[in-house]
């Protein structure tokens, strides 16, 4: 009966992975299902075959109670309360019966019984052997045991400067009306606007900004996500882990370890930050993987196996526990970690660079400086004030401000036909917000050069439509790259590496062009380390 109850209450099992050659045990392991070792095939068909009873019961339960129309339209009078309670009670009993039938179907399936035995054993004892066996299964991630806790590093328990349960530190925007006295009357006047901004951000705004958190989109992408996860586990020996962030959100991660290979770049870890509809299963992790690096991918809060909602505070909390996991559990030093982001992932990447200044490098692909101009682009002009206020108070993705707090090497990859982060049309490269990200970085690092004539030269270079035109600009302004590098090295030797510097004409060193649209995967040969002295 206990096993039957476990089958009734257990998670949905999606797939049993092919056993990887490197992880096959030399002898048979007790209670390990023979179904784990599936026939080698190039197809991605699931090797877990649910019985008909379980399959049909799952389909019925997937409809959910909330999708059932009410038989009592209009207002609900007192006389209708009793019939409605009968209807709701009957429906709940029917669903409970369907769940029991699904449990019976699972109980009669030796594959599922073997899986639930391993899952329960892992929850009782997270030994390496139990985790190895559990890693052969892909199931509802809510039932996956927590592998790493945000308070686990001993240094955090002893330090008062670490994150609290409210979250890690963020750069807060300055008040919009600094000259106005913050009286009770002014607060009352602002209250309707603040309420409106809050409602917009937590309903339409968040879903527009992070469509990957919408349930229907995730449901449609489920087969693709399962296929991508199978590829990472079976072909790349990926290891899945659940991390608990300081706000209570559970973060779904995938780690591919290349440290045991002959590739020298395998000693470096690339932490990948996905776009607003990207998942590590099918996202930008493929680029550093093909380039031979060790890779740690993670899903935004509210995406796939991760819980929560993707607001800036939750995003930063998630990134914090991911970096801590890489350092304290995976064993990478900050100097061996590269932060790589695509599109909106630039926010968490620049936050990590600002908060962990010893990381090796930051690579931002198709990213932007600030969200406000891009939000104004897609909303009516009459909403300008509301959009600006909503973004600043609730969705403030201030990438440039955070990036300027980082002292290390930076590479920006600009898509020359980007249709997302341009504020006019994709062909207008001058409106690409990656330009503004570069300019703000250069103005912070080289303030004396990036003024007047220097700023004019860099803007002309950014507006160049071809490599020939770029070369023409260099020739016209008589830029001697070797001389510039020698001046920079001399300055660094005399004054140290910390920015801002009083010299430097190195825009070309910090940005590479990629002739593609916003969503084109970045080829591995374009994944290069940033320039540094």
Protein backbone atom coordinates (compact mmCIF):
# COMPACT_ATOMS: atom_id res chain seq x y z
CA UNK A 1 0.00 0.00 0.00
CA UNK A 2 2.86 2.38 0.76
CA UNK A 3 4.31 1.82 -2.72
CA UNK A 4 0.88 2.34 -4.30
CA UNK A 5 0.44 5.63 -2.41
CA UNK A 6 3.89 6.73 -3.59
CA UNK A 7 2.82 6.01 -7.17
CA UNK A 8 -0.40 8.02 -6.72
CA UNK A 9 1.41 11.04 -5.26
CA UNK A 10 4.64 10.71 -7.28
CA UNK A 11 5.83 13.07 -10.01
CA UNK A 12 5.29 12.61 -13.72
CA UNK A 13 8.10 10.66 -15.36
CA UNK A 14 9.04 11.92 -18.83
CA UNK A 15 12.04 9.92 -19.92
CA UNK A 16 14.64 7.34 -18.93
CA UNK A 17 17.97 8.31 -20.45
CA UNK A 18 20.28 6.00 -22.30
CA UNK A 19 22.98 4.91 -19.89
CA UNK A 20 26.22 6.72 -20.58
CA UNK A 21 29.29 4.57 -21.15
CA UNK A 22 31.36 6.61 -18.69
CA UNK A 23 28.87 6.03 -15.88
CA UNK A 24 28.08 2.35 -16.30
CA UNK A 25 28.70 0.49 -13.08
CA UNK A 26 31.09 -2.48 -13.34
CA UNK A 27 28.62 -4.65 -11.46
CA UNK A 28 24.85 -4.68 -11.25
CA UNK A 29 23.40 -2.15 -8.81
CA UNK A 30 20.50 -3.35 -6.64
CA UNK A 31 17.08 -2.09 -7.73
CA UNK A 32 18.47 -0.45 -10.88
CA UNK A 33 15.96 -1.04 -13.70
CA UNK A 34 17.20 -2.79 -16.79
CA UNK A 35 15.11 -0.27 -18.73
CA UNK A 36 17.69 2.41 -17.93
CA UNK A 37 19.99 0.85 -20.51
CA UNK A 38 18.04 1.59 -23.64
CA UNK A 39 19.00 0.56 -27.15
CA UNK A 40 21.36 3.02 -28.78
CA UNK A 41 19.45 5.07 -31.30
CA UNK A 42 19.69 8.43 -32.94
CA UNK A 43 16.00 9.16 -32.29
CA UNK A 44 14.79 11.15 -29.29
CA UNK A 45 11.73 8.98 -28.59
CA UNK A 46 11.13 8.48 -24.89
CA UNK A 47 12.22 5.16 -23.46
CA UNK A 48 9.65 5.38 -20.67
CA UNK A 49 6.40 3.87 -21.90
CA UNK A 50 3.49 4.70 -19.55
CA UNK A 51 0.68 2.17 -19.39
CA UNK A 52 -2.61 3.15 -21.03
CA UNK A 53 -4.25 3.82 -17.67
CA UNK A 54 -1.52 6.25 -16.62
CA UNK A 55 -1.36 7.90 -20.05
CA UNK A 56 -5.08 8.65 -20.30
CA UNK A 57 -5.36 9.70 -16.65
CA UNK A 58 -2.46 12.16 -17.16
CA UNK A 59 -4.29 13.67 -20.13
CA UNK A 60 -7.43 14.23 -18.05
CA UNK A 61 -5.56 15.75 -15.10
CA UNK A 62 -3.66 18.07 -17.45
CA UNK A 63 -6.90 19.89 -18.23
CA UNK A 64 -6.95 21.23 -14.63
CA UNK A 65 -9.98 22.35 -12.70
CA UNK A 66 -9.46 25.99 -13.71
CA UNK A 67 -10.07 25.13 -17.35
CA UNK A 68 -13.55 23.72 -16.66
CA UNK A 69 -16.38 26.21 -17.38
CA UNK A 70 -18.76 27.04 -14.53
CA UNK A 71 -22.39 25.92 -14.97
CA UNK A 72 -23.51 28.98 -13.01
CA UNK A 73 -22.90 32.11 -15.11
CA UNK A 74 -23.66 35.55 -13.73
CA UNK A 75 -23.96 36.37 -10.04
CA UNK A 76 -23.95 33.60 -7.44
CA UNK A 77 -26.98 33.84 -5.13
CA UNK A 78 -27.25 32.10 -1.77
CA UNK A 79 -29.65 29.53 -3.21
CA UNK A 80 -26.95 28.46 -5.66
CA UNK A 81 -24.19 27.98 -3.08
CA UNK A 82 -25.31 24.45 -2.19
CA UNK A 83 -25.61 23.22 -5.82
CA UNK A 84 -22.25 24.79 -6.60
CA UNK A 85 -20.62 23.07 -3.64
CA UNK A 86 -22.08 19.78 -4.84
CA UNK A 87 -20.68 20.42 -8.31
CA UNK A 88 -17.22 21.32 -6.96
CA UNK A 89 -17.17 18.37 -4.57
CA UNK A 90 -18.19 15.95 -7.30
CA UNK A 91 -15.51 17.31 -9.59
CA UNK A 92 -12.84 16.97 -6.92
CA UNK A 93 -13.89 13.38 -6.22
CA UNK A 94 -13.72 12.58 -9.92
CA UNK A 95 -10.23 14.09 -10.19
CA UNK A 96 -9.12 12.20 -7.09
CA UNK A 97 -10.44 9.01 -8.67
CA UNK A 98 -8.55 9.72 -11.88
CA UNK A 99 -5.38 10.34 -9.85
CA UNK A 100 -5.84 6.99 -8.12
CA UNK A 101 -6.30 5.25 -11.46
CA UNK A 102 -3.11 6.91 -12.69
CA UNK A 103 -1.34 5.66 -9.58
CA UNK A 104 -2.54 2.12 -10.24
CA UNK A 105 -1.24 2.40 -13.79
CA UNK A 106 2.14 3.50 -12.47
CA UNK A 107 2.16 0.77 -9.81
CA UNK A 108 1.69 -1.91 -12.46
CA UNK A 109 4.63 -0.49 -14.44
CA UNK A 110 8.00 -1.85 -13.17
CA UNK A 111 9.83 1.10 -14.73
CA UNK A 112 7.90 3.62 -12.63
CA UNK A 113 8.12 1.52 -9.45
CA UNK A 114 11.89 1.35 -9.88
CA UNK A 115 12.04 5.13 -10.45
CA UNK A 116 9.96 6.01 -7.38
CA UNK A 117 12.14 3.70 -5.25
CA UNK A 118 15.29 5.55 -6.36
CA UNK A 119 13.64 8.97 -5.86
CA UNK A 120 12.57 8.15 -2.30
CA UNK A 121 16.01 6.74 -1.51
CA UNK A 122 17.65 9.94 -2.77
CA UNK A 123 15.40 12.13 -0.64
CA UNK A 124 16.40 10.07 2.41
CA UNK A 125 20.10 9.94 1.57
CA UNK A 126 21.69 12.11 -1.12
CA UNK A 127 24.67 9.83 -1.62
CA UNK A 128 26.65 10.00 -4.85
CA UNK A 129 25.32 6.58 -5.89
CA UNK A 130 21.68 7.56 -5.34
CA UNK A 131 22.21 10.80 -7.26
CA UNK A 132 23.89 8.90 -10.09
CA UNK A 133 20.90 6.60 -10.42
CA UNK A 134 18.39 9.46 -10.16
CA UNK A 135 20.22 11.35 -12.92
CA UNK A 136 19.09 8.64 -15.36
CA UNK A 137 15.53 10.00 -15.15
CA UNK A 138 13.82 13.13 -16.40
CA UNK A 139 10.73 13.89 -14.32
CA UNK A 140 8.74 16.78 -12.88
CA UNK A 141 11.52 18.95 -11.46
CA UNK A 142 9.44 20.00 -8.45
CA UNK A 143 10.20 16.60 -6.92
CA UNK A 144 13.96 16.81 -7.55
CA UNK A 145 15.88 17.12 -4.25
CA UNK A 146 17.79 20.35 -3.59
CA UNK A 147 21.49 19.93 -4.46
CA UNK A 148 22.85 23.28 -3.26
CA UNK A 149 21.58 25.88 -0.76
CA UNK A 150 22.44 29.57 -0.94
CA UNK A 151 23.66 29.51 2.68
CA UNK A 152 25.86 26.46 2.13
CA UNK A 153 29.21 28.29 1.71
CA UNK A 154 30.68 28.66 5.20
CA UNK A 155 31.94 32.16 4.39
CA UNK A 156 28.35 33.35 3.96
CA UNK A 157 27.26 32.09 7.34
CA UNK A 158 30.07 34.05 8.97
CA UNK A 159 29.74 37.20 6.89
CA UNK A 160 27.15 39.92 7.41
CA UNK A 161 27.69 41.29 3.93
CA UNK A 162 26.10 38.38 2.09
CA UNK A 163 22.54 38.22 0.77
CA UNK A 164 19.59 38.10 3.13
CA UNK A 165 16.30 36.36 2.56
CA UNK A 166 15.07 39.59 0.99
CA UNK A 167 17.66 39.27 -1.76
CA UNK A 168 21.07 40.39 -2.96
CA UNK A 169 22.01 44.03 -3.45
CA UNK A 170 20.90 45.87 -6.59
CA UNK A 171 21.74 49.30 -7.93
CA UNK A 172 18.63 51.38 -7.26
CA UNK A 173 17.50 54.14 -9.66
CA UNK A 174 17.62 57.69 -8.42
CA UNK A 175 14.29 59.31 -7.48
CA UNK A 176 12.55 60.90 -10.46
CA UNK A 177 11.81 64.15 -8.58
CA UNK A 178 14.81 64.84 -6.40
CA UNK A 179 13.88 68.51 -5.92
CA UNK A 180 10.39 67.84 -4.62
CA UNK A 181 9.88 67.54 -0.87
CA UNK A 182 8.74 64.06 0.10
CA UNK A 183 5.72 65.21 2.05
CA UNK A 184 2.64 63.18 2.93
CA UNK A 185 0.62 65.13 0.33
CA UNK A 186 3.11 64.31 -2.43
CA UNK A 187 3.06 60.64 -1.45
CA UNK A 188 -0.73 60.61 -1.68
CA UNK A 189 -0.59 62.26 -5.11
CA UNK A 190 1.90 59.66 -6.36
CA UNK A 191 -0.04 56.71 -4.98
CA UNK A 192 -2.38 56.16 -8.00
CA UNK A 193 0.60 56.22 -10.39
CA UNK A 194 2.54 53.82 -8.18
CA UNK A 195 -0.39 51.41 -7.99
CA UNK A 196 -0.86 51.55 -11.76
CA UNK A 197 2.85 50.92 -12.37
CA UNK A 198 2.79 47.96 -10.00
CA UNK A 199 -0.23 46.40 -11.71
CA UNK A 200 1.21 46.92 -15.19
CA UNK A 201 4.57 45.43 -14.20
CA UNK A 202 3.07 42.37 -12.52
CA UNK A 203 0.57 41.58 -15.27
CA UNK A 204 1.29 42.70 -18.84
CA UNK A 205 4.81 44.05 -18.33
CA UNK A 206 6.46 40.97 -16.89
CA UNK A 207 4.91 38.67 -19.48
CA UNK A 208 5.93 40.93 -22.35
CA UNK A 209 9.46 41.21 -21.02
CA UNK A 210 9.86 37.48 -20.25
CA UNK A 211 7.50 35.53 -22.54
CA UNK A 212 9.38 32.35 -21.64
CA UNK A 213 7.66 32.42 -18.24
CA UNK A 214 4.19 32.08 -19.82
CA UNK A 215 2.75 28.62 -19.13
CA UNK A 216 1.23 28.10 -22.59
CA UNK A 217 4.55 28.82 -24.33
CA UNK A 218 6.37 26.39 -22.05
CA UNK A 219 3.70 23.77 -22.69
CA UNK A 220 4.15 24.14 -26.44
CA UNK A 221 7.94 23.93 -26.12
CA UNK A 222 7.95 20.93 -23.77
CA UNK A 223 8.90 18.32 -26.45
CA UNK A 224 11.76 20.53 -27.65
CA UNK A 225 12.99 21.12 -24.09
CA UNK A 226 12.93 17.40 -23.31
CA UNK A 227 14.87 16.71 -26.50
CA UNK A 228 17.45 19.39 -25.67
CA UNK A 229 17.89 18.11 -22.15
CA UNK A 230 18.35 14.55 -23.42
CA UNK A 231 21.09 15.78 -25.77
CA UNK A 232 22.92 17.52 -22.93
CA UNK A 233 22.70 14.50 -20.63
CA UNK A 234 23.29 11.67 -23.09
CA UNK A 235 25.76 13.23 -25.52
CA UNK A 236 27.54 15.78 -23.31
CA UNK A 237 27.38 13.97 -19.94
CA UNK A 238 25.52 16.92 -18.46
CA UNK A 239 24.62 16.89 -14.77
CA UNK A 240 21.37 18.50 -13.66
CA UNK A 241 21.10 20.18 -10.26
CA UNK A 242 18.53 22.14 -8.26
CA UNK A 243 19.79 25.26 -6.44
CA UNK A 244 17.85 27.03 -3.69
CA UNK A 245 18.20 30.83 -3.93
CA UNK A 246 17.93 33.21 -0.98
CA UNK A 247 14.34 34.18 -1.93
CA UNK A 248 13.20 30.54 -1.85
CA UNK A 249 13.12 30.06 -5.61
CA UNK A 250 14.45 26.77 -6.96
CA UNK A 251 16.80 27.21 -9.93
CA UNK A 252 17.16 24.51 -12.58
CA UNK A 253 20.77 24.13 -13.80
CA UNK A 254 22.79 21.91 -16.14
CA UNK A 255 26.56 21.47 -15.85
CA UNK A 256 28.84 19.99 -18.52
CA UNK A 257 32.35 19.29 -17.21
CA UNK A 258 35.18 19.39 -19.75
CA UNK A 259 38.06 19.53 -17.25
CA UNK A 260 39.03 15.93 -17.97
CA UNK A 261 39.47 16.47 -21.71
CA UNK A 262 42.55 17.42 -23.69
CA UNK A 263 40.98 20.79 -24.59
CA UNK A 264 42.79 23.55 -22.61
CA UNK A 265 39.66 25.72 -22.61
CA UNK A 266 37.86 22.94 -20.74
CA UNK A 267 39.52 24.26 -17.56
CA UNK A 268 37.43 27.42 -17.93
CA UNK A 269 33.76 27.52 -16.96
CA UNK A 270 31.30 29.54 -19.04
CA UNK A 271 28.15 30.50 -17.11
CA UNK A 272 25.42 31.14 -19.68
CA UNK A 273 22.59 33.66 -19.17
CA UNK A 274 19.72 33.06 -21.59
CA UNK A 275 17.38 35.48 -23.38
CA UNK A 276 13.80 36.36 -22.45
CA UNK A 277 12.38 33.28 -24.21
CA UNK A 278 15.51 31.13 -23.93
CA UNK A 279 16.11 27.95 -21.95
CA UNK A 280 19.41 26.22 -21.29
CA UNK A 281 18.03 23.12 -23.01
CA UNK A 282 17.98 24.90 -26.39
CA UNK A 283 19.73 28.21 -25.74
CA UNK A 284 23.12 29.84 -26.03
CA UNK A 285 24.93 27.05 -24.11
CA UNK A 286 25.55 25.33 -27.45
CA UNK A 287 28.09 27.98 -28.50
CA UNK A 288 30.66 27.53 -25.68
CA UNK A 289 29.99 23.77 -25.71
CA UNK A 290 31.05 23.56 -29.34
CA UNK A 291 34.08 25.70 -28.51
CA UNK A 292 35.23 23.12 -25.93
CA UNK A 293 34.54 24.97 -22.65
CA UNK A 294 33.00 23.63 -19.46
CA UNK A 295 29.50 25.09 -19.30
CA UNK A 296 26.94 25.87 -16.60
CA UNK A 297 23.46 26.74 -17.90
CA UNK A 298 20.49 27.84 -15.80
CA UNK A 299 16.87 28.80 -16.36
CA UNK A 300 15.33 32.10 -15.28
CA UNK A 301 12.90 32.00 -12.34
CA UNK A 302 9.57 30.79 -13.72
CA UNK A 303 11.19 29.13 -16.77
CA UNK A 304 10.82 25.33 -17.17
CA UNK A 305 12.06 23.69 -13.94
CA UNK A 306 12.87 26.97 -12.13
CA UNK A 307 10.25 28.41 -9.79
CA UNK A 308 9.26 32.02 -9.12
CA UNK A 309 8.80 34.98 -11.47
CA UNK A 310 11.57 36.75 -13.43
CA UNK A 311 11.71 40.19 -11.81
CA UNK A 312 15.14 41.87 -11.51
CA UNK A 313 15.55 41.05 -7.82
CA UNK A 314 14.70 37.38 -8.38
CA UNK A 315 16.97 37.27 -11.40
CA UNK A 316 19.93 38.60 -9.40
CA UNK A 317 19.17 36.21 -6.53
CA UNK A 318 19.21 33.30 -8.98
CA UNK A 319 22.47 34.42 -10.58
CA UNK A 320 24.06 34.75 -7.15
CA UNK A 321 23.35 31.16 -6.15
CA UNK A 322 24.50 29.94 -9.59
CA UNK A 323 27.89 31.65 -9.16
CA UNK A 324 28.17 30.35 -5.59
CA UNK A 325 27.40 26.84 -6.84
CA UNK A 326 30.12 27.13 -9.49
CA UNK A 327 32.71 28.23 -6.93
CA UNK A 328 31.87 26.22 -3.82
CA UNK A 329 30.42 23.01 -5.26
CA UNK A 330 31.89 22.65 -8.76
CA UNK A 331 35.31 23.88 -7.63
CA UNK A 332 36.03 26.67 -10.16
CA UNK A 333 37.99 29.71 -9.05
CA UNK A 334 36.46 33.12 -10.01
CA UNK A 335 39.51 33.69 -12.27
CA UNK A 336 38.45 30.62 -14.28
CA UNK A 337 34.82 31.73 -14.77
CA UNK A 338 33.57 33.51 -17.90
CA UNK A 339 30.12 35.12 -17.89
CA UNK A 340 28.38 34.81 -21.27
CA UNK A 341 24.96 36.28 -21.99
CA UNK A 342 22.60 36.65 -24.89
CA UNK A 343 20.08 39.49 -25.18
CA UNK A 344 18.21 40.18 -21.91
CA UNK A 345 20.59 37.81 -20.12
CA UNK A 346 22.96 40.78 -20.09
CA UNK A 347 21.27 41.97 -16.90
CA UNK A 348 22.26 38.97 -14.79
CA UNK A 349 25.65 38.79 -16.52
CA UNK A 350 26.53 42.40 -15.71
CA UNK A 351 25.17 41.97 -12.17
CA UNK A 352 27.49 38.98 -11.68
CA UNK A 353 30.44 40.95 -13.09
CA UNK A 354 29.71 43.84 -10.74
CA UNK A 355 29.21 41.55 -7.71
CA UNK A 356 32.05 39.11 -8.46
CA UNK A 357 34.77 41.40 -9.90
CA UNK A 358 37.37 38.61 -10.03
CA UNK A 359 35.62 36.67 -12.81
CA UNK A 360 37.81 36.18 -15.85
CA UNK A 361 35.76 37.94 -18.54
CA UNK A 362 32.30 39.05 -19.68
CA UNK A 363 30.89 38.40 -23.16
CA UNK A 364 27.58 40.06 -24.06
CA UNK A 365 25.92 39.00 -27.30
CA UNK A 366 23.08 41.12 -28.76
CA UNK A 367 22.58 42.95 -25.48
CA UNK A 368 21.63 46.54 -24.64
CA UNK A 369 22.45 49.34 -22.22
CA UNK A 370 19.06 50.11 -20.69
CA UNK A 371 15.51 48.79 -21.02
CA UNK A 372 13.64 52.11 -21.11
CA UNK A 373 14.37 53.04 -24.79
CA UNK A 374 13.38 49.54 -25.96
CA UNK A 375 10.19 49.58 -23.89
CA UNK A 376 9.21 52.98 -25.28
CA UNK A 377 9.76 51.61 -28.79
CA UNK A 378 6.94 49.05 -28.52
CA UNK A 379 4.44 51.11 -26.49
CA UNK A 380 2.27 54.10 -27.52
CA UNK A 381 3.79 57.55 -27.12
CA UNK A 382 0.96 58.55 -24.78
CA UNK A 383 2.20 55.90 -22.33
CA UNK A 384 5.73 57.33 -22.14
CA UNK A 385 5.48 58.48 -18.53
CA UNK A 386 3.84 55.28 -17.32
CA UNK A 387 6.32 53.07 -19.20
CA UNK A 388 9.35 54.94 -17.86
CA UNK A 389 8.05 54.89 -14.30
CA UNK A 390 7.12 51.19 -14.48
CA UNK A 391 10.50 50.15 -15.85
CA UNK A 392 12.49 52.22 -13.38
CA UNK A 393 10.54 51.03 -10.34
CA UNK A 394 9.90 47.37 -11.17
CA UNK A 395 11.78 46.21 -14.29
CA UNK A 396 14.98 48.23 -14.19
CA UNK A 397 17.49 46.35 -16.37
CA UNK A 398 20.39 48.80 -16.08
CA UNK A 399 23.07 46.78 -17.88
CA UNK A 400 25.44 49.64 -18.66
CA UNK A 401 25.42 50.97 -15.11
CA UNK A 402 26.32 47.54 -13.76
CA UNK A 403 28.93 46.81 -16.43
CA UNK A 404 30.78 50.01 -15.60
CA UNK A 405 31.37 48.63 -12.09
CA UNK A 406 33.43 45.78 -13.58
CA UNK A 407 37.17 46.22 -14.15
CA UNK A 408 37.90 43.14 -16.23
CA UNK A 409 37.91 42.26 -19.97
CA UNK A 410 34.65 42.83 -21.85
CA UNK A 411 33.56 41.78 -25.34
CA UNK A 412 30.33 43.02 -26.93
CA UNK A 413 28.95 41.19 -29.97
CA UNK A 414 26.69 43.39 -32.09
CA UNK A 415 24.20 41.88 -34.54
CA UNK A 416 24.26 44.08 -37.65
CA UNK A 417 20.68 43.11 -38.60
CA UNK A 418 19.21 43.05 -35.11
CA UNK A 419 15.44 43.54 -35.16
CA UNK A 420 14.97 43.47 -31.38
CA UNK A 421 17.39 45.93 -29.77
CA UNK A 422 17.26 48.58 -32.49
CA UNK A 423 14.86 51.44 -31.81
CA UNK A 424 14.02 52.10 -35.48
CA UNK A 425 14.47 49.36 -38.12
CA UNK A 426 16.91 46.40 -38.18
CA UNK A 427 18.92 47.91 -41.04
CA UNK A 428 19.58 51.10 -39.04
CA UNK A 429 22.70 50.01 -37.18
CA UNK A 430 23.02 53.47 -35.59
CA UNK A 431 19.93 52.80 -33.44
CA UNK A 432 21.30 49.51 -32.07
CA UNK A 433 21.40 49.87 -28.28
CA UNK A 434 24.59 47.83 -28.24
CA UNK A 435 26.24 51.03 -29.48
CA UNK A 436 25.09 52.87 -26.36
CA UNK A 437 26.33 50.03 -24.17
CA UNK A 438 29.80 50.34 -25.72
CA UNK A 439 29.84 54.14 -25.52
CA UNK A 440 28.90 54.16 -21.84
CA UNK A 441 31.59 51.59 -21.09
CA UNK A 442 34.25 53.56 -22.97
CA UNK A 443 33.17 56.86 -21.45
CA UNK A 444 33.56 55.33 -18.00
CA UNK A 445 36.91 53.66 -18.68
CA UNK A 446 38.51 56.41 -20.81
CA UNK A 447 36.70 59.66 -19.88
CA UNK A 448 39.31 62.07 -21.29
CA UNK A 449 39.52 60.45 -24.70
CA UNK A 450 35.75 59.84 -24.95
CA UNK A 451 34.92 63.53 -25.08
CA UNK A 452 34.33 65.82 -28.06
CA UNK A 453 36.53 64.57 -30.91
CA UNK A 454 37.10 61.11 -29.45
CA UNK A 455 33.37 60.54 -29.03
CA UNK A 456 32.79 61.74 -32.60
CA UNK A 457 35.32 59.25 -33.98
CA UNK A 458 33.82 56.30 -32.11
CA UNK A 459 30.31 57.22 -33.26
CA UNK A 460 31.50 57.32 -36.87
CA UNK A 461 33.10 53.90 -36.42
CA UNK A 462 29.86 52.50 -34.97
CA UNK A 463 27.90 53.85 -37.95
CA UNK A 464 30.19 52.14 -40.47
CA UNK A 465 28.28 49.63 -42.57
CA UNK A 466 31.27 47.52 -43.70
CA UNK A 467 34.83 46.60 -42.77
CA UNK A 468 36.08 48.75 -45.66
CA UNK A 469 34.32 51.79 -44.22
CA UNK A 470 35.75 51.00 -40.76
CA UNK A 471 39.25 50.87 -42.24
CA UNK A 472 38.61 54.17 -43.97
CA UNK A 473 37.73 55.81 -40.66
CA UNK A 474 40.89 54.43 -39.03
CA UNK A 475 42.94 55.78 -41.94
CA UNK A 476 41.24 59.18 -41.93
CA UNK A 477 41.94 59.71 -38.23
CA UNK A 478 45.44 58.17 -38.50
CA UNK A 479 44.83 55.61 -35.76
CA UNK A 480 48.03 53.64 -35.04
CA UNK A 481 47.01 50.56 -33.08
CA UNK A 482 50.53 49.55 -31.99
CA UNK A 483 51.19 53.01 -30.61
CA UNK A 484 47.85 52.99 -28.74
CA UNK A 485 48.68 49.65 -27.16
CA UNK A 486 52.11 50.82 -26.05
CA UNK A 487 50.60 53.93 -24.44
CA UNK A 488 48.01 51.79 -22.63
CA UNK A 489 50.64 49.37 -21.35
CA UNK A 490 52.80 52.22 -20.09
CA UNK A 491 49.83 53.81 -18.34
CA UNK A 492 48.85 50.51 -16.74
CA UNK A 493 52.40 49.89 -15.52
CA UNK A 494 52.55 53.34 -13.94
CA UNK A 495 49.03 53.80 -12.55
CA UNK A 496 47.68 50.24 -12.11
CA UNK A 497 44.79 48.43 -13.81
CA UNK A 498 41.77 50.08 -12.17
CA UNK A 499 39.48 52.19 -14.36
CA UNK A 500 38.80 54.99 -15.22
CA UNK A 501 41.97 55.75 -17.21
CA UNK A 502 42.99 59.03 -18.76
CA UNK A 503 44.04 57.41 -22.08
CA UNK A 504 42.72 54.86 -24.61
CA UNK A 505 41.23 54.67 -28.12
CA UNK A 506 40.21 51.03 -28.15
CA UNK A 507 36.54 50.80 -29.25
CA UNK A 508 37.39 48.12 -31.83
CA UNK A 509 38.91 45.94 -29.11
CA UNK A 510 35.65 45.82 -27.15
CA UNK A 511 33.09 45.16 -29.91
CA UNK A 512 32.83 42.61 -32.72
CA UNK A 513 30.21 42.63 -35.44
CA UNK A 514 28.22 39.53 -36.37
CA UNK A 515 26.31 39.70 -39.65
CA UNK A 516 23.04 38.21 -38.42
CA UNK A 517 19.65 38.86 -36.88
CA UNK A 518 18.92 38.84 -33.15
CA UNK A 519 17.96 35.16 -32.75
CA UNK A 520 20.61 33.54 -34.97
CA UNK A 521 22.76 31.16 -32.89
CA UNK A 522 26.30 32.43 -32.44
CA UNK A 523 28.82 30.11 -34.17
CA UNK A 524 31.54 28.64 -31.99
CA UNK A 525 34.28 30.38 -33.99
CA UNK A 526 32.77 33.74 -32.99
CA UNK A 527 33.03 32.88 -29.30
CA UNK A 528 36.33 34.56 -28.44
CA UNK A 529 37.82 35.86 -25.23
CA UNK A 530 37.73 39.65 -24.73
CA UNK A 531 40.79 41.76 -25.37
CA UNK A 532 42.94 42.78 -22.41
CA UNK A 533 46.44 44.12 -21.95
